[in-house]
Amino acid sequence: MCGRFTQRLPWRELQEFLDLIGTPQNLRPRYNVAPGQTIATVRLGDGGRRLSMLRWGLIPAWAKEPNIGYKLINARSETAHQKPSFRAAFKARRCLIPADGFYEWKREGKAKQPYLIGMKDGAGFVFAGLWESWTVPAGLPLTGSLAELAPGAVLETCTILTTEANAALTPIHPRMPVILPAEAYDPWLTGEAVPLAPYPAAAMTAHPVSTLVNKPANDDERCVECVGDKYIPRR
């Protein structure tokens, strides 16, 4: 699965990386993106790829309440095209989710050690995502970050596809997010069949980080700093 990740790339780098069009946006670096938060995504719009801010945790159009989104932060790539929660989006509403790292937790004795995983060269990359629109039903009381939404308001949400872990990640977790190669960006966005395979292990690295990342309120540089001298070897 993918339950936390980082989005530290500023607008200018994202624009060059993903050939974006549209008005520049002031994106602050995110060191600990958590479910239920608004994230930067890329969708295909008039004239090309455009940045869109969506809530992480897909809420199907037919959902009666929004909390289901916390259960749908990930979609298994092997079955997403069949599942009622994802199949409509898989067919017609795809997105790219830029990132430069993601976290997984490995059980070590009685504790779970978080690891930050990314590319060896530090480059940004892209998750395969799906998005959906949900309309707030009449008479439904909302709380928290959604409290200001009125009946009839439209909330756009997204999920990250996952696949089997590659050899670099298997010692940590059996699943990983689907990372798309650059040549798959446009085919994915236009609904074509795209291989949703594990990203090559040789390009990736992982290092242990502080348990500060366990709390979504912690969103600063301390979350990504290496602790100790342990690195996950590739098999």
C-alpha atoms as a PDB file:
ATOM      1  CA  MET A   1       0.000   0.000   0.000  1.00  0.00           C
ATOM      2  CA  CYS A   2       0.966   3.657   0.105  1.00  0.00           C
ATOM      3  CA  GLY A   3      -0.215   5.515   3.190  1.00  0.00           C
ATOM      4  CA  ARG A   4       2.139   8.513   3.261  1.00  0.00           C
ATOM      5  CA  PHE A   5       4.364  10.245   0.729  1.00  0.00           C
ATOM      6  CA  THR A   6       6.248  13.444  -0.008  1.00  0.00           C
ATOM      7  CA  GLN A   7       5.585  16.222  -2.528  1.00  0.00           C
ATOM      8  CA  ARG A   8       8.542  18.577  -2.270  1.00  0.00           C
ATOM      9  CA  LEU A   9       8.816  19.729  -5.886  1.00  0.00           C
ATOM     10  CA  PRO A  10       7.960  23.417  -6.483  1.00  0.00           C
ATOM     11  CA  TRP A  11       5.739  24.555  -9.341  1.00  0.00           C
ATOM     12  CA  ARG A  12       8.608  25.385 -11.704  1.00  0.00           C
ATOM     13  CA  GLU A  13      10.126  21.904 -11.376  1.00  0.00           C
ATOM     14  CA  LEU A  14       6.743  20.222 -11.719  1.00  0.00           C
ATOM     15  CA  GLN A  15       5.975  22.318 -14.776  1.00  0.00           C
ATOM     16  CA  GLU A  16       9.194  21.243 -16.482  1.00  0.00           C
ATOM     17  CA  PHE A  17       8.988  17.651 -15.283  1.00  0.00           C
ATOM     18  CA  LEU A  18       5.401  17.066 -16.431  1.00  0.00           C
ATOM     19  CA  ASP A  19       5.074  19.679 -19.190  1.00  0.00           C
ATOM     20  CA  LEU A  20       2.237  21.454 -17.379  1.00  0.00           C
ATOM     21  CA  ILE A  21       0.136  24.297 -18.697  1.00  0.00           C
ATOM     22  CA  GLY A  22      -1.925  26.756 -16.698  1.00  0.00           C
ATOM     23  CA  THR A  23      -1.387  29.365 -14.002  1.00  0.00           C
ATOM     24  CA  PRO A  24       1.635  28.832 -11.737  1.00  0.00           C
ATOM     25  CA  GLN A  25       0.712  27.765  -8.210  1.00  0.00           C
ATOM     26  CA  ASN A  26       2.454  28.408  -4.923  1.00  0.00           C
ATOM     27  CA  LEU A  27       3.108  24.866  -3.726  1.00  0.00           C
ATOM     28  CA  ARG A  28       4.731  24.503  -0.328  1.00  0.00           C
ATOM     29  CA  PRO A  29       6.976  21.453   0.185  1.00  0.00           C
ATOM     30  CA  ARG A  30       5.122  18.535   1.769  1.00  0.00           C
ATOM     31  CA  TYR A  31       7.185  16.090   3.818  1.00  0.00           C
ATOM     32  CA  ASN A  32       4.383  13.923   5.195  1.00  0.00           C
ATOM     33  CA  VAL A  33       1.271  13.844   3.016  1.00  0.00           C
ATOM     34  CA  ALA A  34      -1.520  11.900   4.753  1.00  0.00           C
ATOM     35  CA  PRO A  35      -4.960  10.579   3.728  1.00  0.00           C
ATOM     36  CA  GLY A  36      -7.733  13.148   3.804  1.00  0.00           C
ATOM     37  CA  GLN A  37      -5.393  15.969   2.829  1.00  0.00           C
ATOM     38  CA  THR A  38      -5.393  17.945  -0.405  1.00  0.00           C
ATOM     39  CA  ILE A  39      -2.635  16.911  -2.796  1.00  0.00           C
ATOM     40  CA  ALA A  40      -1.238  18.054  -6.137  1.00  0.00           C
ATOM     41  CA  THR A  41      -2.328  15.876  -9.046  1.00  0.00           C
ATOM     42  CA  VAL A  42      -2.195  16.200 -12.828  1.00  0.00           C
ATOM     43  CA  ARG A  43      -5.157  15.688 -15.156  1.00  0.00           C
ATOM     44  CA  LEU A  44      -5.601  16.053 -18.883  1.00  0.00           C
ATOM     45  CA  GLY A  45      -7.498  19.247 -19.690  1.00  0.00           C
ATOM     46  CA  ASP A  46      -8.024  21.553 -22.644  1.00  0.00           C
ATOM     47  CA  GLY A  47      -4.647  22.021 -24.279  1.00  0.00           C
ATOM     48  CA  GLY A  48      -2.635  19.615 -22.179  1.00  0.00           C
ATOM     49  CA  ARG A  49      -1.746  18.541 -18.645  1.00  0.00           C
ATOM     50  CA  ARG A  50      -2.982  20.742 -15.821  1.00  0.00           C
ATOM     51  CA  LEU A  51      -2.335  20.717 -12.100  1.00  0.00           C
ATOM     52  CA  SER A  52      -5.391  19.899  -9.964  1.00  0.00           C
ATOM     53  CA  MET A  53      -5.675  19.899  -6.182  1.00  0.00           C
ATOM     54  CA  LEU A  54      -7.675  16.862  -5.053  1.00  0.00           C
ATOM     55  CA  ARG A  55      -8.470  15.272  -1.683  1.00  0.00           C
ATOM     56  CA  TRP A  56      -6.596  12.016  -1.131  1.00  0.00           C
ATOM     57  CA  GLY A  57      -9.013   9.150  -0.462  1.00  0.00           C
ATOM     58  CA  LEU A  58     -11.440   8.371  -3.274  1.00  0.00           C
ATOM     59  CA  ILE A  59     -15.138   8.865  -2.530  1.00  0.00           C
ATOM     60  CA  PRO A  60     -17.252   7.057  -5.158  1.00  0.00           C
ATOM     61  CA  ALA A  61     -20.045   9.073  -6.750  1.00  0.00           C
ATOM     62  CA  TRP A  62     -22.618   6.726  -5.190  1.00  0.00           C
ATOM     63  CA  ALA A  63     -21.257   6.999  -1.628  1.00  0.00           C
ATOM     64  CA  LYS A  64     -23.739   8.128   1.036  1.00  0.00           C
ATOM     65  CA  GLU A  65     -21.039   9.665   3.256  1.00  0.00           C
ATOM     66  CA  PRO A  66     -17.401  10.755   2.804  1.00  0.00           C
ATOM     67  CA  ASN A  67     -15.585   8.644   5.395  1.00  0.00           C
ATOM     68  CA  ILE A  68     -15.352   5.761   2.940  1.00  0.00           C
ATOM     69  CA  GLY A  69     -12.544   7.780   1.350  1.00  0.00           C
ATOM     70  CA  TYR A  70     -10.185   6.865   4.193  1.00  0.00           C
ATOM     71  CA  LYS A  71     -10.569   3.214   3.196  1.00  0.00           C
ATOM     72  CA  LEU A  72      -9.962   3.977  -0.478  1.00  0.00           C
ATOM     73  CA  ILE A  73      -6.615   5.783  -0.454  1.00  0.00           C
ATOM     74  CA  ASN A  74      -5.199   2.906  -2.525  1.00  0.00           C
ATOM     75  CA  ALA A  75      -6.587   0.713  -5.288  1.00  0.00           C
ATOM     76  CA  ARG A  76      -5.050  -2.618  -6.262  1.00  0.00           C
ATOM     77  CA  SER A  77      -3.994  -2.321  -9.901  1.00  0.00           C
ATOM     78  CA  GLU A  78      -4.844  -5.970 -10.513  1.00  0.00           C
ATOM     79  CA  THR A  79      -8.543  -5.513  -9.669  1.00  0.00           C
ATOM     80  CA  ALA A  80      -9.339  -1.770  -9.853  1.00  0.00           C
ATOM     81  CA  HIS A  81     -11.001  -2.150 -13.250  1.00  0.00           C
ATOM     82  CA  GLN A  82     -13.518  -4.566 -11.684  1.00  0.00           C
ATOM     83  CA  LYS A  83     -14.243  -3.078  -8.266  1.00  0.00           C
ATOM     84  CA  PRO A  84     -17.432  -0.985  -7.931  1.00  0.00           C
ATOM     85  CA  SER A  85     -15.524   1.755  -6.091  1.00  0.00           C
ATOM     86  CA  PHE A  86     -12.948   2.224  -8.851  1.00  0.00           C
ATOM     87  CA  ARG A  87     -14.090   0.780 -12.185  1.00  0.00           C
ATOM     88  CA  ALA A  88     -15.800   3.926 -13.494  1.00  0.00           C
ATOM     89  CA  ALA A  89     -12.773   6.056 -12.639  1.00  0.00           C
ATOM     90  CA  PHE A  90     -10.402   3.453 -14.065  1.00  0.00           C
ATOM     91  CA  LYS A  91     -12.225   3.712 -17.376  1.00  0.00           C
ATOM     92  CA  ALA A  92     -12.682   7.466 -17.619  1.00  0.00           C
ATOM     93  CA  ARG A  93     -11.005   9.440 -14.803  1.00  0.00           C
ATOM     94  CA  ARG A  94      -7.289   8.901 -14.468  1.00  0.00           C
ATOM     95  CA  CYS A  95      -4.632  11.192 -13.088  1.00  0.00           C
ATOM     96  CA  LEU A  96      -0.926  11.451 -12.376  1.00  0.00           C
ATOM     97  CA  ILE A  97       0.208  12.030  -8.804  1.00  0.00           C
ATOM     98  CA  PRO A  98       3.714  13.552  -8.622  1.00  0.00           C
ATOM     99  CA  ALA A  99       5.917  12.594  -5.686  1.00  0.00           C
ATOM    100  CA  ASP A 100       9.573  12.415  -4.704  1.00  0.00           C
ATOM    101  CA  GLY A 101       9.334   9.818  -1.945  1.00  0.00           C
ATOM    102  CA  PHE A 102       6.919   7.543  -0.097  1.00  0.00           C
ATOM    103  CA  TYR A 103       6.901   5.831   3.281  1.00  0.00           C
ATOM    104  CA  GLU A 104       6.412   2.234   4.318  1.00  0.00           C
ATOM    105  CA  TRP A 105       6.697   0.612   7.737  1.00  0.00           C
ATOM    106  CA  LYS A 106       8.692  -2.550   8.483  1.00  0.00           C
ATOM    107  CA  ARG A 107       8.044  -4.556  11.633  1.00  0.00           C
ATOM    108  CA  GLU A 108      11.241  -4.869  13.657  1.00  0.00           C
ATOM    109  CA  GLY A 109      10.542  -6.811  16.831  1.00  0.00           C
ATOM    110  CA  LYS A 110       7.605  -5.204  18.614  1.00  0.00           C
ATOM    111  CA  ALA A 111       8.002  -1.901  16.801  1.00  0.00           C
ATOM    112  CA  LYS A 112       7.442  -0.666  13.247  1.00  0.00           C
ATOM    113  CA  GLN A 113      10.307   1.227  11.630  1.00  0.00           C
ATOM    114  CA  PRO A 114       9.312   3.753   8.947  1.00  0.00           C
ATOM    115  CA  TYR A 115      11.380   3.952   5.763  1.00  0.00           C
ATOM    116  CA  LEU A 116      11.483   6.643   3.115  1.00  0.00           C
ATOM    117  CA  ILE A 117      11.672   5.201  -0.387  1.00  0.00           C
ATOM    118  CA  GLY A 118      12.611   7.066  -3.541  1.00  0.00           C
ATOM    119  CA  MET A 119      14.912   7.201  -6.529  1.00  0.00           C
ATOM    120  CA  LYS A 120      18.661   6.848  -6.099  1.00  0.00           C
ATOM    121  CA  ASP A 121      19.227  10.043  -8.039  1.00  0.00           C
ATOM    122  CA  GLY A 122      16.676  11.957  -5.953  1.00  0.00           C
ATOM    123  CA  ALA A 123      14.469  12.648  -8.965  1.00  0.00           C
ATOM    124  CA  GLY A 124      10.727  13.078  -8.803  1.00  0.00           C
ATOM    125  CA  PHE A 125       8.390  10.411 -10.135  1.00  0.00           C
ATOM    126  CA  VAL A 126       4.711   9.809 -10.785  1.00  0.00           C
ATOM    127  CA  PHE A 127       2.117   7.495  -9.228  1.00  0.00           C
ATOM    128  CA  ALA A 128      -0.748   6.160 -11.333  1.00  0.00           C
ATOM    129  CA  GLY A 129      -3.945   7.607  -9.877  1.00  0.00           C
ATOM    130  CA  LEU A 130      -7.715   7.655 -10.325  1.00  0.00           C
ATOM    131  CA  TRP A 131     -10.077  10.487  -9.450  1.00  0.00           C
ATOM    132  CA  GLU A 132     -13.773  10.853  -8.808  1.00  0.00           C
ATOM    133  CA  SER A 133     -16.424  13.517  -8.102  1.00  0.00           C
ATOM    134  CA  TRP A 134     -18.798  13.271  -5.147  1.00  0.00           C
ATOM    135  CA  THR A 135     -21.780  15.543  -4.533  1.00  0.00           C
ATOM    136  CA  VAL A 136     -22.679  16.339  -0.929  1.00  0.00           C
ATOM    137  CA  PRO A 137     -26.170  14.935  -0.242  1.00  0.00           C
ATOM    138  CA  ALA A 138     -28.867  17.092   1.305  1.00  0.00           C
ATOM    139  CA  GLY A 139     -29.253  16.687   5.043  1.00  0.00           C
ATOM    140  CA  LEU A 140     -25.823  15.151   5.627  1.00  0.00           C
ATOM    141  CA  PRO A 141     -23.898  16.865   8.452  1.00  0.00           C
ATOM    142  CA  LEU A 142     -20.189  17.117   7.718  1.00  0.00           C
ATOM    143  CA  THR A 143     -17.375  17.691  10.177  1.00  0.00           C
ATOM    144  CA  GLY A 144     -13.676  18.511  10.207  1.00  0.00           C
ATOM    145  CA  SER A 145     -12.133  19.778   6.976  1.00  0.00           C
ATOM    146  CA  LEU A 146     -15.409  19.156   5.107  1.00  0.00           C
ATOM    147  CA  ALA A 147     -17.641  21.079   7.522  1.00  0.00           C
ATOM    148  CA  GLU A 148     -17.939  24.103   5.235  1.00  0.00           C
ATOM    149  CA  LEU A 149     -19.262  22.112   2.267  1.00  0.00           C
ATOM    150  CA  ALA A 150     -22.923  22.828   1.575  1.00  0.00           C
ATOM    151  CA  PRO A 151     -25.443  20.357   0.113  1.00  0.00           C
ATOM    152  CA  GLY A 152     -24.866  20.101  -3.623  1.00  0.00           C
ATOM    153  CA  ALA A 153     -21.170  20.999  -3.376  1.00  0.00           C
ATOM    154  CA  VAL A 154     -18.856  18.832  -5.457  1.00  0.00           C
ATOM    155  CA  LEU A 155     -15.766  17.284  -3.877  1.00  0.00           C
ATOM    156  CA  GLU A 156     -13.061  15.814  -6.117  1.00  0.00           C
ATOM    157  CA  THR A 157     -10.990  13.004  -4.642  1.00  0.00           C
ATOM    158  CA  CYS A 158      -8.316  10.551  -5.752  1.00  0.00           C
ATOM    159  CA  THR A 159      -6.596   7.244  -5.022  1.00  0.00           C
ATOM    160  CA  ILE A 160      -3.161   5.755  -5.729  1.00  0.00           C
ATOM    161  CA  LEU A 161      -2.838   2.433  -7.541  1.00  0.00           C
ATOM    162  CA  THR A 162      -0.606  -0.224  -6.008  1.00  0.00           C
ATOM    163  CA  THR A 163       1.168  -3.338  -7.263  1.00  0.00           C
ATOM    164  CA  GLU A 164       3.475  -6.040  -5.924  1.00  0.00           C
ATOM    165  CA  ALA A 165       6.677  -4.746  -4.355  1.00  0.00           C
ATOM    166  CA  ASN A 166       9.907  -4.937  -6.306  1.00  0.00           C
ATOM    167  CA  ALA A 167      13.023  -6.607  -4.886  1.00  0.00           C
ATOM    168  CA  ALA A 168      14.175  -3.394  -3.195  1.00  0.00           C
ATOM    169  CA  LEU A 169      10.944  -3.050  -1.224  1.00  0.00           C
ATOM    170  CA  THR A 170      10.029  -6.657  -0.500  1.00  0.00           C
ATOM    171  CA  PRO A 171      12.021  -6.672   2.777  1.00  0.00           C
ATOM    172  CA  ILE A 172       9.852  -3.762   3.965  1.00  0.00           C
ATOM    173  CA  HIS A 173       6.367  -4.348   2.550  1.00  0.00           C
ATOM    174  CA  PRO A 174       4.729  -6.700   0.003  1.00  0.00           C
ATOM    175  CA  ARG A 175       3.056  -3.865  -1.942  1.00  0.00           C
ATOM    176  CA  MET A 176       4.192  -0.586  -3.479  1.00  0.00           C
ATOM    177  CA  PRO A 177       2.556   2.254  -5.432  1.00  0.00           C
ATOM    178  CA  VAL A 178       2.484   1.984  -9.206  1.00  0.00           C
ATOM    179  CA  ILE A 179       5.218   4.308 -10.503  1.00  0.00           C
ATOM    180  CA  LEU A 180       4.758   5.135 -14.174  1.00  0.00           C
ATOM    181  CA  PRO A 181       7.629   5.563 -16.636  1.00  0.00           C
ATOM    182  CA  ALA A 182       7.544   8.843 -18.570  1.00  0.00           C
ATOM    183  CA  GLU A 183       6.404   7.177 -21.787  1.00  0.00           C
ATOM    184  CA  ALA A 184       3.258   5.946 -20.013  1.00  0.00           C
ATOM    185  CA  TYR A 185       2.028   9.339 -18.780  1.00  0.00           C
ATOM    186  CA  ASP A 186      -0.094  10.240 -21.813  1.00  0.00           C
ATOM    187  CA  PRO A 187      -1.390   6.708 -22.487  1.00  0.00           C
ATOM    188  CA  TRP A 188      -2.469   6.436 -18.857  1.00  0.00           C
ATOM    189  CA  LEU A 189      -4.266   9.776 -18.904  1.00  0.00           C
ATOM    190  CA  THR A 190      -6.085   8.984 -22.144  1.00  0.00           C
ATOM    191  CA  GLY A 191      -7.391   5.637 -20.925  1.00  0.00           C
ATOM    192  CA  GLU A 192      -5.123   3.289 -22.831  1.00  0.00           C
ATOM    193  CA  ALA A 193      -3.887  -0.045 -21.508  1.00  0.00           C
ATOM    194  CA  VAL A 194      -0.663   0.559 -19.584  1.00  0.00           C
ATOM    195  CA  PRO A 195       1.516  -2.030 -17.802  1.00  0.00           C
ATOM    196  CA  LEU A 196       1.091  -1.455 -14.068  1.00  0.00           C
ATOM    197  CA  ALA A 197       4.180  -3.393 -13.032  1.00  0.00           C
ATOM    198  CA  PRO A 198       6.614  -2.818 -10.149  1.00  0.00           C
ATOM    199  CA  TYR A 199       9.146  -0.094 -10.913  1.00  0.00           C
ATOM    200  CA  PRO A 200      12.712  -1.390 -11.516  1.00  0.00           C
ATOM    201  CA  ALA A 201      14.377  -2.033  -8.178  1.00  0.00           C
ATOM    202  CA  ALA A 202      17.826  -0.990  -9.368  1.00  0.00           C
ATOM    203  CA  ALA A 203      16.681   2.638  -9.643  1.00  0.00           C
ATOM    204  CA  MET A 204      15.327   2.867  -6.085  1.00  0.00           C
ATOM    205  CA  THR A 205      16.651   3.184  -2.571  1.00  0.00           C
ATOM    206  CA  ALA A 206      15.263   3.217   0.982  1.00  0.00           C
ATOM    207  CA  HIS A 207      16.456   4.526   4.314  1.00  0.00           C
ATOM    208  CA  PRO A 208      15.012   4.494   7.843  1.00  0.00           C
ATOM    209  CA  VAL A 209      13.508   7.707   9.176  1.00  0.00           C
ATOM    210  CA  SER A 210      12.202   8.980  12.480  1.00  0.00           C
ATOM    211  CA  THR A 211       8.866   7.852  13.888  1.00  0.00           C
ATOM    212  CA  LEU A 212       7.911  11.532  13.746  1.00  0.00           C
ATOM    213  CA  VAL A 213       6.377  10.612  10.393  1.00  0.00           C
ATOM    214  CA  ASN A 214       3.781   8.511  12.233  1.00  0.00           C
ATOM    215  CA  LYS A 215       1.876  11.695  13.100  1.00  0.00           C
ATOM    216  CA  PRO A 216       0.383  13.649  10.161  1.00  0.00           C
ATOM    217  CA  ALA A 217       0.835  16.888  12.119  1.00  0.00           C
ATOM    218  CA  ASN A 218       4.599  16.495  11.669  1.00  0.00           C
ATOM    219  CA  ASP A 219       5.264  17.839   8.180  1.00  0.00           C
ATOM    220  CA  ASP A 220       8.802  19.184   7.998  1.00  0.00           C
ATOM    221  CA  GLU A 221      12.344  18.211   7.037  1.00  0.00           C
ATOM    222  CA  ARG A 222      12.798  16.027  10.105  1.00  0.00           C
ATOM    223  CA  CYS A 223      10.443  13.455   8.557  1.00  0.00           C
ATOM    224  CA  VAL A 224      12.823  12.634   5.695  1.00  0.00           C
ATOM    225  CA  GLU A 225      16.131  12.608   7.553  1.00  0.00           C
ATOM    226  CA  CYS A 226      17.934   9.269   7.746  1.00  0.00           C
ATOM    227  CA  VAL A 227      18.277   7.756  11.226  1.00  0.00           C
ATOM    228  CA  GLY A 228      21.082   5.287  11.969  1.00  0.00           C
ATOM    229  CA  ASP A 229      23.090   3.673   9.206  1.00  0.00           C
ATOM    230  CA  LYS A 230      20.682   0.972   8.055  1.00  0.00           C
ATOM    231  CA  TYR A 231      19.804   0.660   4.378  1.00  0.00           C
ATOM    232  CA  ILE A 232      17.607  -1.931   2.773  1.00  0.00           C
ATOM    233  CA  PRO A 233      19.665  -4.158   0.452  1.00  0.00           C
ATOM    234  CA  ARG A 234      18.288  -5.350  -2.874  1.00  0.00           C
ATOM    235  CA  ARG A 235      17.991  -9.076  -3.177  1.00  0.00           C
END
